[in-house]
Amino acid sequence: MSEYAISNSIRTLRFLYNEMTQKQLADAIGVTRQTVMAIEANKYSPSLEVAFKIAAVFKLPLEEVFQYRATNT
């Protein structure tokens, strides 16, 4: 049976969005820089609310920021 993992494009989007820093994104969505760093590194899955806030910052649909894919087991 396949397992699934959430990945994201936040790092790429930050650089495409005027080289936004982790701190700037964190301030925009109301979390700490460490939280953004952990989400970006796929060490932490954000709440649905935080995921939507991140997508809103980049003016993108949620599925263009976060991906839910099967992993090889």
PDB file of N, CA and C in Angstrom:
ATOM      1  N   MET A   1       0.838  -1.179   0.000  1.00  0.00           N
ATOM      2  CA  MET A   1       0.000   0.000   0.000  1.00  0.00           C
ATOM      3  C   MET A   1       0.885   1.245   0.000  1.00  0.00           C
ATOM      4  N   SER A   2       0.500   2.231  -0.757  1.00  0.00           N
ATOM      5  CA  SER A   2       1.277   3.471  -0.851  1.00  0.00           C
ATOM      6  C   SER A   2       1.059   4.357   0.361  1.00  0.00           C
ATOM      7  N   GLU A   3       2.113   5.043   0.734  1.00  0.00           N
ATOM      8  CA  GLU A   3       2.005   6.089   1.745  1.00  0.00           C
ATOM      9  C   GLU A   3       2.003   7.416   1.012  1.00  0.00           C
ATOM     10  N   TYR A   4       1.487   8.421   1.656  1.00  0.00           N
ATOM     11  CA  TYR A   4       1.403   9.733   1.027  1.00  0.00           C
ATOM     12  C   TYR A   4       2.156  10.762   1.849  1.00  0.00           C
ATOM     13  N   ALA A   5       2.665  11.755   1.161  1.00  0.00           N
ATOM     14  CA  ALA A   5       3.405  12.831   1.824  1.00  0.00           C
ATOM     15  C   ALA A   5       3.020  14.164   1.198  1.00  0.00           C
ATOM     16  N   ILE A   6       3.063  15.191   2.014  1.00  0.00           N
ATOM     17  CA  ILE A   6       2.804  16.545   1.531  1.00  0.00           C
ATOM     18  C   ILE A   6       4.144  17.196   1.227  1.00  0.00           C
ATOM     19  N   SER A   7       4.257  17.758   0.043  1.00  0.00           N
ATOM     20  CA  SER A   7       5.441  18.547  -0.301  1.00  0.00           C
ATOM     21  C   SER A   7       4.960  19.943  -0.676  1.00  0.00           C
ATOM     22  N   ASN A   8       5.894  20.858  -0.864  1.00  0.00           N
ATOM     23  CA  ASN A   8       5.485  22.222  -1.176  1.00  0.00           C
ATOM     24  C   ASN A   8       6.509  22.925  -2.052  1.00  0.00           C
ATOM     25  N   SER A   9       6.082  24.052  -2.580  1.00  0.00           N
ATOM     26  CA  SER A   9       6.922  24.880  -3.456  1.00  0.00           C
ATOM     27  C   SER A   9       7.225  26.231  -2.818  1.00  0.00           C
ATOM     28  N   ILE A  10       7.166  26.311  -1.513  1.00  0.00           N
ATOM     29  CA  ILE A  10       7.279  27.597  -0.827  1.00  0.00           C
ATOM     30  C   ILE A  10       8.620  28.272  -1.087  1.00  0.00           C
ATOM     31  N   ARG A  11       9.695  27.533  -0.983  1.00  0.00           N
ATOM     32  CA  ARG A  11      11.019  28.149  -1.183  1.00  0.00           C
ATOM     33  C   ARG A  11      11.117  28.776  -2.573  1.00  0.00           C
ATOM     34  N   THR A  12      10.725  28.034  -3.591  1.00  0.00           N
ATOM     35  CA  THR A  12      10.756  28.552  -4.961  1.00  0.00           C
ATOM     36  C   THR A  12       9.863  29.777  -5.093  1.00  0.00           C
ATOM     37  N   LEU A  13       8.669  29.702  -4.539  1.00  0.00           N
ATOM     38  CA  LEU A  13       7.731  30.824  -4.631  1.00  0.00           C
ATOM     39  C   LEU A  13       8.269  32.064  -3.928  1.00  0.00           C
ATOM     40  N   ARG A  14       8.912  31.879  -2.780  1.00  0.00           N
ATOM     41  CA  ARG A  14       9.477  33.041  -2.079  1.00  0.00           C
ATOM     42  C   ARG A  14      10.487  33.766  -2.956  1.00  0.00           C
ATOM     43  N   PHE A  15      11.331  33.011  -3.640  1.00  0.00           N
ATOM     44  CA  PHE A  15      12.346  33.643  -4.482  1.00  0.00           C
ATOM     45  C   PHE A  15      11.735  34.283  -5.715  1.00  0.00           C
ATOM     46  N   LEU A  16      10.677  33.689  -6.245  1.00  0.00           N
ATOM     47  CA  LEU A  16       9.994  34.286  -7.392  1.00  0.00           C
ATOM     48  C   LEU A  16       9.193  35.522  -6.989  1.00  0.00           C
ATOM     49  N   TYR A  17       8.851  35.603  -5.715  1.00  0.00           N
ATOM     50  CA  TYR A  17       8.043  36.706  -5.189  1.00  0.00           C
ATOM     51  C   TYR A  17       8.971  37.734  -4.541  1.00  0.00           C
ATOM     52  N   ASN A  18       9.784  38.366  -5.361  1.00  0.00           N
ATOM     53  CA  ASN A  18      10.714  39.413  -4.908  1.00  0.00           C
ATOM     54  C   ASN A  18      11.677  38.949  -3.822  1.00  0.00           C
ATOM     55  N   GLU A  19      12.107  37.690  -3.902  1.00  0.00           N
ATOM     56  CA  GLU A  19      13.053  37.130  -2.936  1.00  0.00           C
ATOM     57  C   GLU A  19      12.606  37.356  -1.488  1.00  0.00           C
ATOM     58  N   MET A  20      11.349  37.057  -1.238  1.00  0.00           N
ATOM     59  CA  MET A  20      10.765  37.178   0.096  1.00  0.00           C
ATOM     60  C   MET A  20      11.541  36.301   1.080  1.00  0.00           C
ATOM     61  N   THR A  21      11.799  36.823   2.256  1.00  0.00           N
ATOM     62  CA  THR A  21      12.490  36.044   3.282  1.00  0.00           C
ATOM     63  C   THR A  21      11.490  35.176   4.046  1.00  0.00           C
ATOM     64  N   GLN A  22      12.020  34.192   4.757  1.00  0.00           N
ATOM     65  CA  GLN A  22      11.163  33.374   5.613  1.00  0.00           C
ATOM     66  C   GLN A  22      10.487  34.243   6.661  1.00  0.00           C
ATOM     67  N   LYS A  23      11.199  35.216   7.182  1.00  0.00           N
ATOM     68  CA  LYS A  23      10.645  36.121   8.203  1.00  0.00           C
ATOM     69  C   LYS A  23       9.490  36.934   7.633  1.00  0.00           C
ATOM     70  N   GLN A  24       9.648  37.444   6.412  1.00  0.00           N
ATOM     71  CA  GLN A  24       8.572  38.222   5.791  1.00  0.00           C
ATOM     72  C   GLN A  24       7.324  37.362   5.592  1.00  0.00           C
ATOM     73  N   LEU A  25       7.518  36.134   5.129  1.00  0.00           N
ATOM     74  CA  LEU A  25       6.374  35.239   4.953  1.00  0.00           C
ATOM     75  C   LEU A  25       5.743  34.919   6.303  1.00  0.00           C
ATOM     76  N   ALA A  26       6.570  34.636   7.290  1.00  0.00           N
ATOM     77  CA  ALA A  26       6.063  34.331   8.631  1.00  0.00           C
ATOM     78  C   ALA A  26       5.223  35.479   9.173  1.00  0.00           C
ATOM     79  N   ASP A  27       5.712  36.701   9.027  1.00  0.00           N
ATOM     80  CA  ASP A  27       4.965  37.867   9.499  1.00  0.00           C
ATOM     81  C   ASP A  27       3.640  38.011   8.758  1.00  0.00           C
ATOM     82  N   ALA A  28       3.636  37.714   7.463  1.00  0.00           N
ATOM     83  CA  ALA A  28       2.431  37.859   6.647  1.00  0.00           C
ATOM     84  C   ALA A  28       1.348  36.850   7.025  1.00  0.00           C
ATOM     85  N   ILE A  29       1.756  35.681   7.522  1.00  0.00           N
ATOM     86  CA  ILE A  29       0.766  34.645   7.843  1.00  0.00           C
ATOM     87  C   ILE A  29       0.579  34.429   9.343  1.00  0.00           C
ATOM     88  N   GLY A  30       1.335  35.150  10.161  1.00  0.00           N
ATOM     89  CA  GLY A  30       1.138  35.098  11.605  1.00  0.00           C
ATOM     90  C   GLY A  30       1.745  33.898  12.312  1.00  0.00           C
ATOM     91  N   VAL A  31       2.895  33.432  11.816  1.00  0.00           N
ATOM     92  CA  VAL A  31       3.618  32.345  12.489  1.00  0.00           C
ATOM     93  C   VAL A  31       5.070  32.772  12.662  1.00  0.00           C
ATOM     94  N   THR A  32       5.874  31.924  13.276  1.00  0.00           N
ATOM     95  CA  THR A  32       7.289  32.248  13.450  1.00  0.00           C
ATOM     96  C   THR A  32       8.093  31.860  12.209  1.00  0.00           C
ATOM     97  N   ARG A  33       9.284  32.425  12.100  1.00  0.00           N
ATOM     98  CA  ARG A  33      10.179  32.068  10.998  1.00  0.00           C
ATOM     99  C   ARG A  33      10.539  30.585  11.080  1.00  0.00           C
ATOM    100  N   GLN A  34      10.680  30.079  12.296  1.00  0.00           N
ATOM    101  CA  GLN A  34      11.022  28.670  12.483  1.00  0.00           C
ATOM    102  C   GLN A  34       9.916  27.761  11.941  1.00  0.00           C
ATOM    103  N   THR A  35       8.669  28.187  12.095  1.00  0.00           N
ATOM    104  CA  THR A  35       7.551  27.411  11.554  1.00  0.00           C
ATOM    105  C   THR A  35       7.609  27.380  10.039  1.00  0.00           C
ATOM    106  N   VAL A  36       7.862  28.529   9.419  1.00  0.00           N
ATOM    107  CA  VAL A  36       7.986  28.577   7.957  1.00  0.00           C
ATOM    108  C   VAL A  36       9.134  27.680   7.510  1.00  0.00           C
ATOM    109  N   MET A  37      10.249  27.750   8.220  1.00  0.00           N
ATOM    110  CA  MET A  37      11.412  26.938   7.875  1.00  0.00           C
ATOM    111  C   MET A  37      11.059  25.443   7.933  1.00  0.00           C
ATOM    112  N   ALA A  38      10.347  25.023   8.966  1.00  0.00           N
ATOM    113  CA  ALA A  38       9.971  23.617   9.121  1.00  0.00           C
ATOM    114  C   ALA A  38       8.978  23.175   8.042  1.00  0.00           C
ATOM    115  N   ILE A  39       8.023  24.029   7.710  1.00  0.00           N
ATOM    116  CA  ILE A  39       7.063  23.707   6.650  1.00  0.00           C
ATOM    117  C   ILE A  39       7.792  23.580   5.319  1.00  0.00           C
ATOM    118  N   GLU A  40       8.648  24.547   5.040  1.00  0.00           N
ATOM    119  CA  GLU A  40       9.414  24.569   3.791  1.00  0.00           C
ATOM    120  C   GLU A  40      10.274  23.316   3.631  1.00  0.00           C
ATOM    121  N   ALA A  41      10.832  22.829   4.720  1.00  0.00           N
ATOM    122  CA  ALA A  41      11.704  21.651   4.705  1.00  0.00           C
ATOM    123  C   ALA A  41      10.920  20.337   4.802  1.00  0.00           C
ATOM    124  N   ASN A  42       9.594  20.429   4.784  1.00  0.00           N
ATOM    125  CA  ASN A  42       8.718  19.256   4.898  1.00  0.00           C
ATOM    126  C   ASN A  42       8.915  18.499   6.206  1.00  0.00           C
ATOM    127  N   LYS A  43       9.316  19.216   7.256  1.00  0.00           N
ATOM    128  CA  LYS A  43       9.469  18.623   8.584  1.00  0.00           C
ATOM    129  C   LYS A  43       8.176  18.757   9.389  1.00  0.00           C
ATOM    130  N   TYR A  44       7.273  19.605   8.908  1.00  0.00           N
ATOM    131  CA  TYR A  44       6.042  19.926   9.619  1.00  0.00           C
ATOM    132  C   TYR A  44       4.966  20.212   8.586  1.00  0.00           C
ATOM    133  N   SER A  45       3.792  19.622   8.762  1.00  0.00           N
ATOM    134  CA  SER A  45       2.660  19.909   7.878  1.00  0.00           C
ATOM    135  C   SER A  45       1.833  21.022   8.510  1.00  0.00           C
ATOM    136  N   PRO A  46       1.566  22.078   7.754  1.00  0.00           N
ATOM    137  CA  PRO A  46       0.828  23.200   8.327  1.00  0.00           C
ATOM    138  C   PRO A  46      -0.641  22.857   8.542  1.00  0.00           C
ATOM    139  N   SER A  47      -1.274  23.615   9.422  1.00  0.00           N
ATOM    140  CA  SER A  47      -2.721  23.490   9.564  1.00  0.00           C
ATOM    141  C   SER A  47      -3.355  23.938   8.248  1.00  0.00           C
ATOM    142  N   LEU A  48      -4.590  23.581   8.057  1.00  0.00           N
ATOM    143  CA  LEU A  48      -5.295  23.985   6.845  1.00  0.00           C
ATOM    144  C   LEU A  48      -5.359  25.504   6.746  1.00  0.00           C
ATOM    145  N   GLU A  49      -5.591  26.168   7.871  1.00  0.00           N
ATOM    146  CA  GLU A  49      -5.653  27.629   7.883  1.00  0.00           C
ATOM    147  C   GLU A  49      -4.326  28.246   7.437  1.00  0.00           C
ATOM    148  N   VAL A  50      -3.223  27.758   7.968  1.00  0.00           N
ATOM    149  CA  VAL A  50      -1.906  28.289   7.596  1.00  0.00           C
ATOM    150  C   VAL A  50      -1.610  27.990   6.129  1.00  0.00           C
ATOM    151  N   ALA A  51      -1.977  26.809   5.663  1.00  0.00           N
ATOM    152  CA  ALA A  51      -1.756  26.464   4.255  1.00  0.00           C
ATOM    153  C   ALA A  51      -2.504  27.439   3.340  1.00  0.00           C
ATOM    154  N   PHE A  52      -3.755  27.738   3.673  1.00  0.00           N
ATOM    155  CA  PHE A  52      -4.525  28.690   2.867  1.00  0.00           C
ATOM    156  C   PHE A  52      -3.928  30.095   2.938  1.00  0.00           C
ATOM    157  N   LYS A  53      -3.435  30.480   4.108  1.00  0.00           N
ATOM    158  CA  LYS A  53      -2.806  31.802   4.238  1.00  0.00           C
ATOM    159  C   LYS A  53      -1.557  31.899   3.365  1.00  0.00           C
ATOM    160  N   ILE A  54      -0.759  30.843   3.343  1.00  0.00           N
ATOM    161  CA  ILE A  54       0.447  30.837   2.508  1.00  0.00           C
ATOM    162  C   ILE A  54       0.058  30.964   1.040  1.00  0.00           C
ATOM    163  N   ALA A  55      -0.916  30.182   0.606  1.00  0.00           N
ATOM    164  CA  ALA A  55      -1.367  30.252  -0.787  1.00  0.00           C
ATOM    165  C   ALA A  55      -1.877  31.651  -1.120  1.00  0.00           C
ATOM    166  N   ALA A  56      -2.581  32.278  -0.187  1.00  0.00           N
ATOM    167  CA  ALA A  56      -3.119  33.623  -0.418  1.00  0.00           C
ATOM    168  C   ALA A  56      -2.010  34.654  -0.584  1.00  0.00           C
ATOM    169  N   VAL A  57      -0.930  34.522   0.172  1.00  0.00           N
ATOM    170  CA  VAL A  57       0.198  35.451   0.043  1.00  0.00           C
ATOM    171  C   VAL A  57       0.726  35.445  -1.387  1.00  0.00           C
ATOM    172  N   PHE A  58       0.794  34.256  -1.981  1.00  0.00           N
ATOM    173  CA  PHE A  58       1.329  34.134  -3.336  1.00  0.00           C
ATOM    174  C   PHE A  58       0.246  34.249  -4.414  1.00  0.00           C
ATOM    175  N   LYS A  59      -1.002  34.464  -3.964  1.00  0.00           N
ATOM    176  CA  LYS A  59      -2.139  34.599  -4.882  1.00  0.00           C
ATOM    177  C   LYS A  59      -2.260  33.381  -5.803  1.00  0.00           C
ATOM    178  N   LEU A  60      -2.119  32.203  -5.193  1.00  0.00           N
ATOM    179  CA  LEU A  60      -2.190  30.947  -5.934  1.00  0.00           C
ATOM    180  C   LEU A  60      -3.187  30.007  -5.265  1.00  0.00           C
ATOM    181  N   PRO A  61      -3.758  29.077  -6.044  1.00  0.00           N
ATOM    182  CA  PRO A  61      -4.594  28.058  -5.408  1.00  0.00           C
ATOM    183  C   PRO A  61      -3.732  27.141  -4.535  1.00  0.00           C
ATOM    184  N   LEU A  62      -4.327  26.580  -3.544  1.00  0.00           N
ATOM    185  CA  LEU A  62      -3.624  25.728  -2.582  1.00  0.00           C
ATOM    186  C   LEU A  62      -2.812  24.624  -3.266  1.00  0.00           C
ATOM    187  N   GLU A  63      -3.379  24.006  -4.296  1.00  0.00           N
ATOM    188  CA  GLU A  63      -2.700  22.880  -4.951  1.00  0.00           C
ATOM    189  C   GLU A  63      -1.476  23.288  -5.763  1.00  0.00           C
ATOM    190  N   GLU A  64      -1.287  24.574  -5.986  1.00  0.00           N
ATOM    191  CA  GLU A  64      -0.064  25.025  -6.654  1.00  0.00           C
ATOM    192  C   GLU A  64       1.059  25.308  -5.655  1.00  0.00           C
ATOM    193  N   VAL A  65       0.713  25.373  -4.390  1.00  0.00           N
ATOM    194  CA  VAL A  65       1.708  25.594  -3.339  1.00  0.00           C
ATOM    195  C   VAL A  65       2.049  24.271  -2.647  1.00  0.00           C
ATOM    196  N   PHE A  66       1.037  23.460  -2.397  1.00  0.00           N
ATOM    197  CA  PHE A  66       1.216  22.177  -1.711  1.00  0.00           C
ATOM    198  C   PHE A  66       0.799  21.032  -2.623  1.00  0.00           C
ATOM    199  N   GLN A  67       1.554  19.936  -2.547  1.00  0.00           N
ATOM    200  CA  GLN A  67       1.245  18.750  -3.325  1.00  0.00           C
ATOM    201  C   GLN A  67       1.122  17.560  -2.372  1.00  0.00           C
ATOM    202  N   TYR A  68       0.181  16.686  -2.662  1.00  0.00           N
ATOM    203  CA  TYR A  68      -0.049  15.481  -1.864  1.00  0.00           C
ATOM    204  C   TYR A  68       0.186  14.303  -2.791  1.00  0.00           C
ATOM    205  N   ARG A  69       1.298  13.627  -2.605  1.00  0.00           N
ATOM    206  CA  ARG A  69       1.706  12.584  -3.550  1.00  0.00           C
ATOM    207  C   ARG A  69       2.052  11.286  -2.839  1.00  0.00           C
ATOM    208  N   ALA A  70       1.877  10.207  -3.577  1.00  0.00           N
ATOM    209  CA  ALA A  70       2.266   8.892  -3.066  1.00  0.00           C
ATOM    210  C   ALA A  70       3.785   8.800  -3.015  1.00  0.00           C
ATOM    211  N   THR A  71       4.281   8.181  -1.961  1.00  0.00           N
ATOM    212  CA  THR A  71       5.720   7.947  -1.842  1.00  0.00           C
ATOM    213  C   THR A  71       5.975   6.471  -2.084  1.00  0.00           C
ATOM    214  N   ASN A  72       7.151   6.151  -2.521  1.00  0.00           N
ATOM    215  CA  ASN A  72       7.508   4.744  -2.729  1.00  0.00           C
ATOM    216  C   ASN A  72       7.823   4.099  -1.394  1.00  0.00           C
ATOM    217  N   THR A  73       7.211   2.958  -1.153  1.00  0.00           N
ATOM    218  CA  THR A  73       7.472   2.251   0.108  1.00  0.00           C
ATOM    219  C   THR A  73       8.131   0.931  -0.152  1.00  0.00           C
TER     220      THR A  73
END
